[in-house]
C-alpha atoms as a PDB file:
ATOM      1  CA  MET A   1      82.588 170.152  73.416  1.00  0.00           C
ATOM      2  CA  THR A   2      83.056 170.789  69.806  1.00  0.00           C
ATOM      3  CA  GLU A   3      84.761 174.029  69.202  1.00  0.00           C
ATOM      4  CA  ARG A   4      85.049 175.990  65.946  1.00  0.00           C
ATOM      5  CA  HIS A   5      86.239 174.272  62.768  1.00  0.00           C
ATOM      6  CA  PHE A   6      88.963 175.676  60.707  1.00  0.00           C
ATOM      7  CA  LYS A   7      89.029 175.526  56.621  1.00  0.00           C
ATOM      8  CA  LYS A   8      91.428 178.558  56.025  1.00  0.00           C
ATOM      9  CA  ILE A   9      94.992 177.687  57.090  1.00  0.00           C
ATOM     10  CA  ALA A  10      97.806 180.010  56.980  1.00  0.00           C
ATOM     11  CA  LEU A  11     101.383 178.107  57.174  1.00  0.00           C
ATOM     12  CA  ILE A  12     104.801 179.782  58.529  1.00  0.00           C
ATOM     13  CA  GLY A  13     108.262 178.051  58.894  1.00  0.00           C
ATOM     14  CA  ARG A  14     111.665 179.059  59.903  1.00  0.00           C
ATOM     15  CA  GLU A  15     114.717 178.959  57.360  1.00  0.00           C
ATOM     16  CA  GLY A  16     117.413 176.740  58.790  1.00  0.00           C
ATOM     17  CA  VAL A  17     115.601 174.428  61.096  1.00  0.00           C
ATOM     18  CA  PRO A  18     116.251 171.018  59.800  1.00  0.00           C
ATOM     19  CA  GLY A  19     113.124 169.010  58.189  1.00  0.00           C
ATOM     20  CA  VAL A  20     111.032 171.958  57.837  1.00  0.00           C
ATOM     21  CA  SER A  21     110.536 172.161  54.345  1.00  0.00           C
ATOM     22  CA  GLU A  22     109.855 168.245  54.140  1.00  0.00           C
ATOM     23  CA  THR A  23     106.871 168.936  56.796  1.00  0.00           C
ATOM     24  CA  LEU A  24     105.469 171.861  55.066  1.00  0.00           C
ATOM     25  CA  VAL A  25     105.190 169.591  51.652  1.00  0.00           C
ATOM     26  CA  ALA A  26     103.631 167.045  53.531  1.00  0.00           C
ATOM     27  CA  LEU A  27     101.362 169.329  55.609  1.00  0.00           C
ATOM     28  CA  ILE A  28     100.113 171.245  52.415  1.00  0.00           C
ATOM     29  CA  GLU A  29      99.404 167.621  51.171  1.00  0.00           C
ATOM     30  CA  HIS A  30      97.435 166.865  54.307  1.00  0.00           C
ATOM     31  CA  LEU A  31      95.358 170.144  54.354  1.00  0.00           C
ATOM     32  CA  HIS A  32      94.407 169.952  50.547  1.00  0.00           C
ATOM     33  CA  ALA A  33      93.241 166.093  51.120  1.00  0.00           C
ATOM     34  CA  ALA A  34      90.955 167.405  54.164  1.00  0.00           C
ATOM     35  CA  ARG A  35      89.830 170.554  51.653  1.00  0.00           C
ATOM     36  CA  CYS A  36      91.115 173.272  53.305  1.00  0.00           C
ATOM     37  CA  HIS A  37      92.238 176.475  51.637  1.00  0.00           C
ATOM     38  CA  VAL A  38      96.014 176.887  52.231  1.00  0.00           C
ATOM     39  CA  VAL A  39      98.168 180.026  52.224  1.00  0.00           C
ATOM     40  CA  VAL A  40     101.800 180.451  52.886  1.00  0.00           C
ATOM     41  CA  GLU A  41     103.662 183.280  54.545  1.00  0.00           C
ATOM     42  CA  GLU A  42     105.912 184.828  51.791  1.00  0.00           C
ATOM     43  CA  ASN A  43     109.163 184.149  53.381  1.00  0.00           C
ATOM     44  CA  THR A  44     108.199 180.785  54.085  1.00  0.00           C
ATOM     45  CA  SER A  45     107.434 179.902  50.606  1.00  0.00           C
ATOM     46  CA  HIS A  46     111.064 180.144  49.772  1.00  0.00           C
ATOM     47  CA  LEU A  47     111.375 176.592  51.760  1.00  0.00           C
ATOM     48  CA  LEU A  48     109.183 175.057  49.282  1.00  0.00           C
ATOM     49  CA  PRO A  49     109.454 173.667  45.786  1.00  0.00           C
ATOM     50  CA  LYS A  50     107.942 175.416  43.182  1.00  0.00           C
ATOM     51  CA  GLN A  51     104.345 174.530  43.154  1.00  0.00           C
ATOM     52  CA  SER A  52     101.062 176.385  42.751  1.00  0.00           C
ATOM     53  CA  ILE A  53     100.439 177.875  46.189  1.00  0.00           C
ATOM     54  CA  THR A  54      98.873 181.001  47.476  1.00  0.00           C
ATOM     55  CA  THR A  55     101.468 183.233  49.153  1.00  0.00           C
ATOM     56  CA  VAL A  56     100.601 186.115  51.603  1.00  0.00           C
ATOM     57  CA  THR A  57     102.781 188.742  53.298  1.00  0.00           C
ATOM     58  CA  ALA A  58     103.031 188.743  57.059  1.00  0.00           C
ATOM     59  CA  GLU A  59     101.157 192.085  57.254  1.00  0.00           C
ATOM     60  CA  THR A  60      98.418 190.758  55.173  1.00  0.00           C
ATOM     61  CA  LEU A  61      98.149 187.144  56.720  1.00  0.00           C
ATOM     62  CA  ALA A  62      95.436 187.698  59.183  1.00  0.00           C
ATOM     63  CA  GLN A  63      93.229 188.485  56.380  1.00  0.00           C
ATOM     64  CA  HIS A  64      93.483 185.130  54.979  1.00  0.00           C
ATOM     65  CA  THR A  65      93.301 182.422  57.844  1.00  0.00           C
ATOM     66  CA  GLU A  66      91.347 181.105  60.534  1.00  0.00           C
ATOM     67  CA  LEU A  67      94.116 179.086  62.112  1.00  0.00           C
ATOM     68  CA  LEU A  68      98.083 179.566  61.466  1.00  0.00           C
ATOM     69  CA  ILE A  69     100.165 176.469  61.752  1.00  0.00           C
ATOM     70  CA  VAL A  70     103.632 176.975  62.610  1.00  0.00           C
ATOM     71  CA  VAL A  71     106.344 174.320  61.666  1.00  0.00           C
ATOM     72  CA  GLY A  72     109.555 174.611  63.674  1.00  0.00           C
ATOM     73  CA  GLY A  73     110.675 174.804  67.189  1.00  0.00           C
ATOM     74  CA  ASP A  74     109.511 177.391  69.782  1.00  0.00           C
ATOM     75  CA  GLY A  75     111.349 180.099  68.561  1.00  0.00           C
ATOM     76  CA  SER A  76     109.400 180.010  65.295  1.00  0.00           C
ATOM     77  CA  LEU A  77     106.194 180.061  67.433  1.00  0.00           C
ATOM     78  CA  LEU A  78     107.373 183.038  69.352  1.00  0.00           C
ATOM     79  CA  ASN A  79     107.939 184.798  65.712  1.00  0.00           C
ATOM     80  CA  ALA A  80     104.357 183.579  64.797  1.00  0.00           C
ATOM     81  CA  ALA A  81     102.881 184.938  68.023  1.00  0.00           C
ATOM     82  CA  ARG A  82     103.695 188.399  67.098  1.00  0.00           C
ATOM     83  CA  LEU A  83     101.673 188.164  63.828  1.00  0.00           C
ATOM     84  CA  ALA A  84      98.630 186.308  65.712  1.00  0.00           C
ATOM     85  CA  VAL A  85      98.327 187.942  68.703  1.00  0.00           C
ATOM     86  CA  ASP A  86      96.662 191.084  67.852  1.00  0.00           C
ATOM     87  CA  HIS A  87      94.084 189.582  65.302  1.00  0.00           C
ATOM     88  CA  ASP A  88      92.919 186.745  67.772  1.00  0.00           C
ATOM     89  CA  ILE A  89      94.395 184.078  65.062  1.00  0.00           C
ATOM     90  CA  PRO A  90      94.536 180.557  67.047  1.00  0.00           C
ATOM     91  CA  VAL A  91      98.061 179.139  66.545  1.00  0.00           C
ATOM     92  CA  LEU A  92      98.951 175.196  66.317  1.00  0.00           C
ATOM     93  CA  GLY A  93     102.726 174.290  66.548  1.00  0.00           C
ATOM     94  CA  ILE A  94     104.333 171.391  64.501  1.00  0.00           C
ATOM     95  CA  ASN A  95     107.596 170.836  66.300  1.00  0.00           C
ATOM     96  CA  ARG A  96     110.752 170.266  64.408  1.00  0.00           C
ATOM     97  CA  GLY A  97     112.877 172.144  66.740  1.00  0.00           C
ATOM     98  CA  ARG A  98     114.711 170.752  69.789  1.00  0.00           C
ATOM     99  CA  LEU A  99     112.538 171.097  72.802  1.00  0.00           C
ATOM    100  CA  GLY A 100     108.951 171.887  71.717  1.00  0.00           C
ATOM    101  CA  PHE A 101     107.262 173.271  74.777  1.00  0.00           C
ATOM    102  CA  LEU A 102     104.895 175.046  72.702  1.00  0.00           C
ATOM    103  CA  THR A 103     104.994 173.426  69.290  1.00  0.00           C
ATOM    104  CA  ASP A 104     103.779 170.012  70.556  1.00  0.00           C
ATOM    105  CA  VAL A 105     102.513 168.271  67.516  1.00  0.00           C
ATOM    106  CA  HIS A 106     104.917 165.807  65.943  1.00  0.00           C
ATOM    107  CA  PRO A 107     105.557 165.865  62.521  1.00  0.00           C
ATOM    108  CA  ASN A 108     104.706 162.202  61.923  1.00  0.00           C
ATOM    109  CA  GLU A 109     101.540 162.525  63.523  1.00  0.00           C
ATOM    110  CA  LEU A 110     100.007 164.843  61.053  1.00  0.00           C
ATOM    111  CA  GLY A 111      96.719 162.756  61.508  1.00  0.00           C
ATOM    112  CA  GLN A 112      96.091 164.587  64.816  1.00  0.00           C
ATOM    113  CA  ILE A 113      95.371 167.709  62.818  1.00  0.00           C
ATOM    114  CA  ASN A 114      92.058 166.283  61.096  1.00  0.00           C
ATOM    115  CA  ALA A 115      90.673 166.289  64.703  1.00  0.00           C
ATOM    116  CA  ILE A 116      91.574 169.788  65.153  1.00  0.00           C
ATOM    117  CA  LEU A 117      90.314 171.228  62.037  1.00  0.00           C
ATOM    118  CA  GLN A 118      86.680 169.387  62.860  1.00  0.00           C
ATOM    119  CA  GLY A 119      86.820 171.229  65.990  1.00  0.00           C
ATOM    120  CA  GLN A 120      88.054 168.949  68.520  1.00  0.00           C
ATOM    121  CA  TYR A 121      90.974 170.427  70.411  1.00  0.00           C
ATOM    122  CA  ILE A 122      92.287 172.255  73.471  1.00  0.00           C
ATOM    123  CA  ARG A 123      92.373 175.786  73.406  1.00  0.00           C
ATOM    124  CA  GLU A 124      94.731 177.611  75.792  1.00  0.00           C
ATOM    125  CA  PHE A 125      95.288 181.416  76.381  1.00  0.00           C
ATOM    126  CA  ARG A 126      98.853 182.719  77.029  1.00  0.00           C
ATOM    127  CA  PHE A 127      99.232 186.222  78.156  1.00  0.00           C
ATOM    128  CA  LEU A 128     101.887 188.298  76.937  1.00  0.00           C
ATOM    129  CA  LEU A 129     104.144 191.221  78.237  1.00  0.00           C
ATOM    130  CA  GLN A 130     104.835 194.719  77.144  1.00  0.00           C
ATOM    131  CA  ALA A 131     108.180 196.364  77.397  1.00  0.00           C
ATOM    132  CA  GLN A 132     108.160 200.353  77.280  1.00  0.00           C
ATOM    133  CA  PHE A 133     111.262 202.267  77.173  1.00  0.00           C
ATOM    134  CA  LYS A 134     111.740 205.814  77.970  1.00  0.00           C
ATOM    135  CA  GLN A 135     114.667 207.247  76.247  1.00  0.00           C
ATOM    136  CA  ASP A 136     115.158 211.069  76.121  1.00  0.00           C
ATOM    137  CA  GLY A 137     111.148 211.654  76.033  1.00  0.00           C
ATOM    138  CA  ILE A 138     110.809 209.172  72.937  1.00  0.00           C
ATOM    139  CA  VAL A 139     108.582 205.886  73.919  1.00  0.00           C
ATOM    140  CA  ALA A 140     109.292 202.555  72.210  1.00  0.00           C
ATOM    141  CA  ARG A 141     107.400 199.374  72.687  1.00  0.00           C
ATOM    142  CA  ASP A 142     108.088 195.910  72.344  1.00  0.00           C
ATOM    143  CA  ILE A 143     106.122 192.767  73.430  1.00  0.00           C
ATOM    144  CA  ALA A 144     107.146 189.214  74.485  1.00  0.00           C
ATOM    145  CA  LEU A 145     105.539 185.765  74.988  1.00  0.00           C
ATOM    146  CA  ASN A 146     108.334 184.304  76.875  1.00  0.00           C
ATOM    147  CA  ASP A 147     110.402 187.132  78.712  1.00  0.00           C
ATOM    148  CA  VAL A 148     111.770 190.477  78.694  1.00  0.00           C
ATOM    149  CA  VAL A 149     115.366 190.515  79.889  1.00  0.00           C
ATOM    150  CA  LEU A 150     117.922 193.133  80.769  1.00  0.00           C
ATOM    151  CA  LEU A 151     121.298 192.208  79.767  1.00  0.00           C
ATOM    152  CA  PRO A 152     124.931 193.311  79.535  1.00  0.00           C
ATOM    153  CA  GLY A 153     126.144 195.337  76.489  1.00  0.00           C
ATOM    154  CA  ASP A 154     129.174 194.360  74.443  1.00  0.00           C
ATOM    155  CA  ILE A 155     131.342 194.090  77.608  1.00  0.00           C
ATOM    156  CA  ALA A 156     130.688 191.487  80.534  1.00  0.00           C
ATOM    157  CA  GLN A 157     130.156 193.760  83.147  1.00  0.00           C
ATOM    158  CA  MET A 158     127.705 193.908  86.162  1.00  0.00           C
ATOM    159  CA  ILE A 159     124.514 196.174  85.819  1.00  0.00           C
ATOM    160  CA  ASP A 160     123.258 198.615  88.661  1.00  0.00           C
ATOM    161  CA  PHE A 161     119.723 198.913  88.446  1.00  0.00           C
ATOM    162  CA  ASP A 162     116.642 199.488  90.647  1.00  0.00           C
ATOM    163  CA  VAL A 163     113.606 197.172  90.520  1.00  0.00           C
ATOM    164  CA  PHE A 164     110.074 198.486  91.526  1.00  0.00           C
ATOM    165  CA  VAL A 165     106.737 196.735  91.604  1.00  0.00           C
ATOM    166  CA  ASN A 166     103.839 199.154  91.503  1.00  0.00           C
ATOM    167  CA  GLN A 167     106.112 202.057  92.387  1.00  0.00           C
ATOM    168  CA  GLN A 168     107.438 200.373  95.671  1.00  0.00           C
ATOM    169  CA  LEU A 169     110.883 199.347  95.806  1.00  0.00           C
ATOM    170  CA  VAL A 170     111.792 195.862  95.721  1.00  0.00           C
ATOM    171  CA  CYS A 171     115.655 196.190  95.823  1.00  0.00           C
ATOM    172  CA  HIS A 172     118.668 197.562  94.275  1.00  0.00           C
ATOM    173  CA  HIS A 173     120.418 195.055  92.085  1.00  0.00           C
ATOM    174  CA  ARG A 174     124.034 194.672  91.086  1.00  0.00           C
ATOM    175  CA  ALA A 175     124.003 191.864  88.671  1.00  0.00           C
ATOM    176  CA  ASP A 176     124.523 190.711  85.086  1.00  0.00           C
ATOM    177  CA  GLY A 177     120.924 191.446  84.449  1.00  0.00           C
ATOM    178  CA  MET A 178     117.250 190.286  85.124  1.00  0.00           C
ATOM    179  CA  ILE A 179     114.796 187.918  83.176  1.00  0.00           C
ATOM    180  CA  ILE A 180     111.090 188.859  83.712  1.00  0.00           C
ATOM    181  CA  ALA A 181     109.158 185.888  82.492  1.00  0.00           C
ATOM    182  CA  THR A 182     105.583 184.652  81.878  1.00  0.00           C
ATOM    183  CA  PRO A 183     104.592 181.340  82.803  1.00  0.00           C
ATOM    184  CA  THR A 184     104.861 180.320  79.215  1.00  0.00           C
ATOM    185  CA  GLY A 185     108.671 181.507  79.398  1.00  0.00           C
ATOM    186  CA  SER A 186     109.427 180.063  82.692  1.00  0.00           C
ATOM    187  CA  THR A 187     110.626 176.887  81.039  1.00  0.00           C
ATOM    188  CA  ALA A 188     113.088 178.808  78.787  1.00  0.00           C
ATOM    189  CA  TYR A 189     115.739 181.310  79.860  1.00  0.00           C
ATOM    190  CA  ALA A 190     114.211 181.796  83.052  1.00  0.00           C
ATOM    191  CA  LEU A 191     114.615 177.987  84.114  1.00  0.00           C
ATOM    192  CA  SER A 192     118.390 178.142  82.854  1.00  0.00           C
ATOM    193  CA  GLY A 193     118.793 180.895  85.498  1.00  0.00           C
ATOM    194  CA  GLY A 194     117.216 179.181  88.478  1.00  0.00           C
ATOM    195  CA  GLY A 195     113.539 180.181  88.226  1.00  0.00           C
ATOM    196  CA  PRO A 196     110.768 178.078  88.823  1.00  0.00           C
ATOM    197  CA  ILE A 197     108.458 176.246  86.386  1.00  0.00           C
ATOM    198  CA  LEU A 198     105.108 178.095  86.373  1.00  0.00           C
ATOM    199  CA  TYR A 199     101.751 176.256  85.250  1.00  0.00           C
ATOM    200  CA  PRO A 200     100.852 177.943  82.065  1.00  0.00           C
ATOM    201  CA  ASP A 201      97.464 179.316  83.173  1.00  0.00           C
ATOM    202  CA  LEU A 202      98.840 181.017  86.587  1.00  0.00           C
ATOM    203  CA  ASN A 203      98.228 184.896  86.251  1.00  0.00           C
ATOM    204  CA  VAL A 204     101.700 185.507  87.339  1.00  0.00           C
ATOM    205  CA  ILE A 205     105.217 186.797  86.505  1.00  0.00           C
ATOM    206  CA  VAL A 206     108.388 185.693  87.907  1.00  0.00           C
ATOM    207  CA  LEU A 207     111.552 188.042  88.364  1.00  0.00           C
ATOM    208  CA  VAL A 208     114.822 186.192  88.237  1.00  0.00           C
ATOM    209  CA  PRO A 209     118.287 188.048  88.825  1.00  0.00           C
ATOM    210  CA  MET A 210     121.150 186.921  86.408  1.00  0.00           C
ATOM    211  CA  PHE A 211     124.297 186.429  88.545  1.00  0.00           C
ATOM    212  CA  PRO A 212     123.678 188.881  91.396  1.00  0.00           C
ATOM    213  CA  HIS A 213     126.297 190.110  93.398  1.00  0.00           C
ATOM    214  CA  THR A 214     124.257 189.488  96.656  1.00  0.00           C
ATOM    215  CA  LEU A 215     124.143 185.699  96.914  1.00  0.00           C
ATOM    216  CA  SER A 216     120.849 186.018  98.962  1.00  0.00           C
ATOM    217  CA  SER A 217     119.116 187.562  95.735  1.00  0.00           C
ATOM    218  CA  ARG A 218     116.489 184.939  94.779  1.00  0.00           C
ATOM    219  CA  PRO A 219     113.388 184.688  92.135  1.00  0.00           C
ATOM    220  CA  ILE A 220     110.288 186.254  92.991  1.00  0.00           C
ATOM    221  CA  VAL A 221     106.691 185.572  91.893  1.00  0.00           C
ATOM    222  CA  ILE A 222     104.300 188.596  91.528  1.00  0.00           C
ATOM    223  CA  ASN A 223     100.660 188.956  89.981  1.00  0.00           C
ATOM    224  CA  ASN A 224     100.810 189.691  86.612  1.00  0.00           C
ATOM    225  CA  ASN A 225      98.436 192.807  87.005  1.00  0.00           C
ATOM    226  CA  THR A 226     101.342 194.592  88.434  1.00  0.00           C
ATOM    227  CA  THR A 227     103.520 197.051  86.676  1.00  0.00           C
ATOM    228  CA  ILE A 228     107.529 196.531  86.943  1.00  0.00           C
ATOM    229  CA  THR A 229     109.969 199.218  86.368  1.00  0.00           C
ATOM    230  CA  LEU A 230     113.449 198.840  86.119  1.00  0.00           C
ATOM    231  CA  ASN A 231     115.467 202.024  86.710  1.00  0.00           C
ATOM    232  CA  ILE A 232     119.014 201.655  85.127  1.00  0.00           C
ATOM    233  CA  SER A 233     121.281 203.554  87.472  1.00  0.00           C
ATOM    234  CA  LYS A 234     123.112 206.607  86.017  1.00  0.00           C
ATOM    235  CA  ASN A 235     126.659 205.476  87.569  1.00  0.00           C
ATOM    236  CA  ASN A 236     126.695 202.613  84.980  1.00  0.00           C
ATOM    237  CA  GLU A 237     129.706 202.963  82.852  1.00  0.00           C
ATOM    238  CA  ILE A 238     128.087 200.469  80.155  1.00  0.00           C
ATOM    239  CA  SER A 239     124.850 200.782  78.393  1.00  0.00           C
ATOM    240  CA  PRO A 240     122.982 197.741  78.783  1.00  0.00           C
ATOM    241  CA  TYR A 241     120.160 195.960  76.404  1.00  0.00           C
ATOM    242  CA  VAL A 242     116.650 194.769  76.894  1.00  0.00           C
ATOM    243  CA  SER A 243     115.737 191.710  74.633  1.00  0.00           C
ATOM    244  CA  CYS A 244     112.197 190.715  73.965  1.00  0.00           C
ATOM    245  CA  ASP A 245     112.155 187.045  73.372  1.00  0.00           C
ATOM    246  CA  GLY A 246     115.584 186.949  72.156  1.00  0.00           C
ATOM    247  CA  LEU A 247     114.179 188.308  68.941  1.00  0.00           C
ATOM    248  CA  ASN A 248     114.824 192.144  69.103  1.00  0.00           C
ATOM    249  CA  ARG A 249     117.382 193.716  71.333  1.00  0.00           C
ATOM    250  CA  THR A 250     116.939 197.490  72.413  1.00  0.00           C
ATOM    251  CA  ALA A 251     120.008 199.580  73.893  1.00  0.00           C
ATOM    252  CA  VAL A 252     119.197 201.438  77.195  1.00  0.00           C
ATOM    253  CA  SER A 253     121.392 204.135  78.505  1.00  0.00           C
ATOM    254  CA  PRO A 254     122.137 204.855  82.244  1.00  0.00           C
ATOM    255  CA  GLY A 255     119.505 206.804  83.959  1.00  0.00           C
ATOM    256  CA  ASP A 256     116.807 205.133  81.403  1.00  0.00           C
ATOM    257  CA  GLU A 257     113.883 203.203  82.754  1.00  0.00           C
ATOM    258  CA  ILE A 258     111.802 200.022  81.522  1.00  0.00           C
ATOM    259  CA  ILE A 259     108.096 199.621  82.332  1.00  0.00           C
ATOM    260  CA  ILE A 260     107.050 195.902  82.015  1.00  0.00           C
ATOM    261  CA  GLN A 261     103.316 195.448  82.027  1.00  0.00           C
ATOM    262  CA  LYS A 262     100.535 192.699  80.909  1.00  0.00           C
ATOM    263  CA  TYR A 263      99.866 193.225  77.304  1.00  0.00           C
ATOM    264  CA  PRO A 264      96.123 193.489  76.694  1.00  0.00           C
ATOM    265  CA  LYS A 265      95.661 190.906  74.190  1.00  0.00           C
ATOM    266  CA  GLN A 266      96.237 187.184  74.667  1.00  0.00           C
ATOM    267  CA  LEU A 267      97.775 184.338  72.447  1.00  0.00           C
ATOM    268  CA  GLN A 268      95.445 181.437  71.658  1.00  0.00           C
ATOM    269  CA  LEU A 269      97.289 178.099  71.492  1.00  0.00           C
ATOM    270  CA  ILE A 270      95.687 174.999  69.883  1.00  0.00           C
ATOM    271  CA  HIS A 271      96.518 171.462  71.198  1.00  0.00           C
ATOM    272  CA  SER A 272      95.386 168.155  70.082  1.00  0.00           C
ATOM    273  CA  LEU A 273      92.853 166.632  72.590  1.00  0.00           C
ATOM    274  CA  SER A 274      96.042 164.106  73.826  1.00  0.00           C
ATOM    275  CA  TYR A 275      97.811 166.936  75.058  1.00  0.00           C
ATOM    276  CA  ASN A 276      99.208 166.781  78.504  1.00  0.00           C
ATOM    277  CA  TYR A 277     101.288 169.830  80.000  1.00  0.00           C
ATOM    278  CA  PHE A 278     102.866 167.313  82.794  1.00  0.00           C
ATOM    279  CA  HIS A 279     103.698 164.776  79.761  1.00  0.00           C
ATOM    280  CA  THR A 280     105.510 167.521  78.073  1.00  0.00           C
ATOM    281  CA  LEU A 281     107.414 168.499  81.169  1.00  0.00           C
ATOM    282  CA  ARG A 282     108.528 164.676  81.959  1.00  0.00           C
ATOM    283  CA  THR A 283     109.430 164.360  78.184  1.00  0.00           C
ATOM    284  CA  LYS A 284     111.291 167.562  77.437  1.00  0.00           C
ATOM    285  CA  LEU A 285     113.106 167.780  80.763  1.00  0.00           C
ATOM    286  CA  HIS A 286     113.768 163.798  81.116  1.00  0.00           C
ATOM    287  CA  TRP A 287     112.535 163.348  84.351  1.00  0.00           C
ATOM    288  CA  GLU A 288     111.690 159.637  83.739  1.00  0.00           C
ATOM    289  CA  LYS A 289     115.404 158.830  82.639  1.00  0.00           C
ATOM    290  CA  GLN A 290     116.885 156.112  84.528  1.00  0.00           C
ATOM    291  CA  ALA A 291     120.437 155.680  85.261  1.00  0.00           C
ATOM    292  CA  THR A 292     121.831 152.770  83.337  1.00  0.00           C
ATOM    293  CA  ARG A 293     123.032 150.064  85.781  1.00  0.00           C
ATOM    294  CA  ASN A 294     126.652 148.447  84.873  1.00  0.00           C
END
């Protein structure tokens, strides 16, 4: 079935990722040839040679676009997700990073974008997490597409904390921390920590303890409509941190609590019709790589 057509396109890229500038230039030419109106996020414009192109700030980007195209790696898309999710802007990723679980269009295959512009694409919805921090009566919030992570401070030392799900005690942990990941984030940090790969449309969250002192501690998968609370023990001698998608890091103190819930808005990801999640796993994780015979 044909979906919505796109004519107003916004571009965003990440400085420091090889090949982003060249791909942005080629993409702008391609979109102009397709008679699209193109704007470039203000910071991204510094990656381009001086040319006549409309630039917009990140704060006003939503007013100028029907589709946000991200050029870079998965980290670039995590940044862009924060701009797009509250405004229901669909996001398409052009992969210039190392893995590309989220940015799946190859820069040498920009022709795939033509079909997407004409409404021939797969639309996928990914839920996010919201972390709420209660500190001395002050409430702060942050969101994450991949994961919310409790991690040590500046000193490598274990953290004592309790984990509650819907106000029911799961267990007391003495560990380096905890990774709380969405299915999207299950192939990121949580995978490195021994967590399972979760199919993207599952409505679940995985809790992965990081180097727990109790060796029987294992990842646990729960429904995403639950409320997860981490209570930082007052006995801790250090102040750990909470990181959302590895982008922002918030210091928490002994006695603080972190509340994690599903964010009310979902991110719209756009894929070409040839997209296949299992093919992505096989390719990125080298499942089909065979040992060389001598």
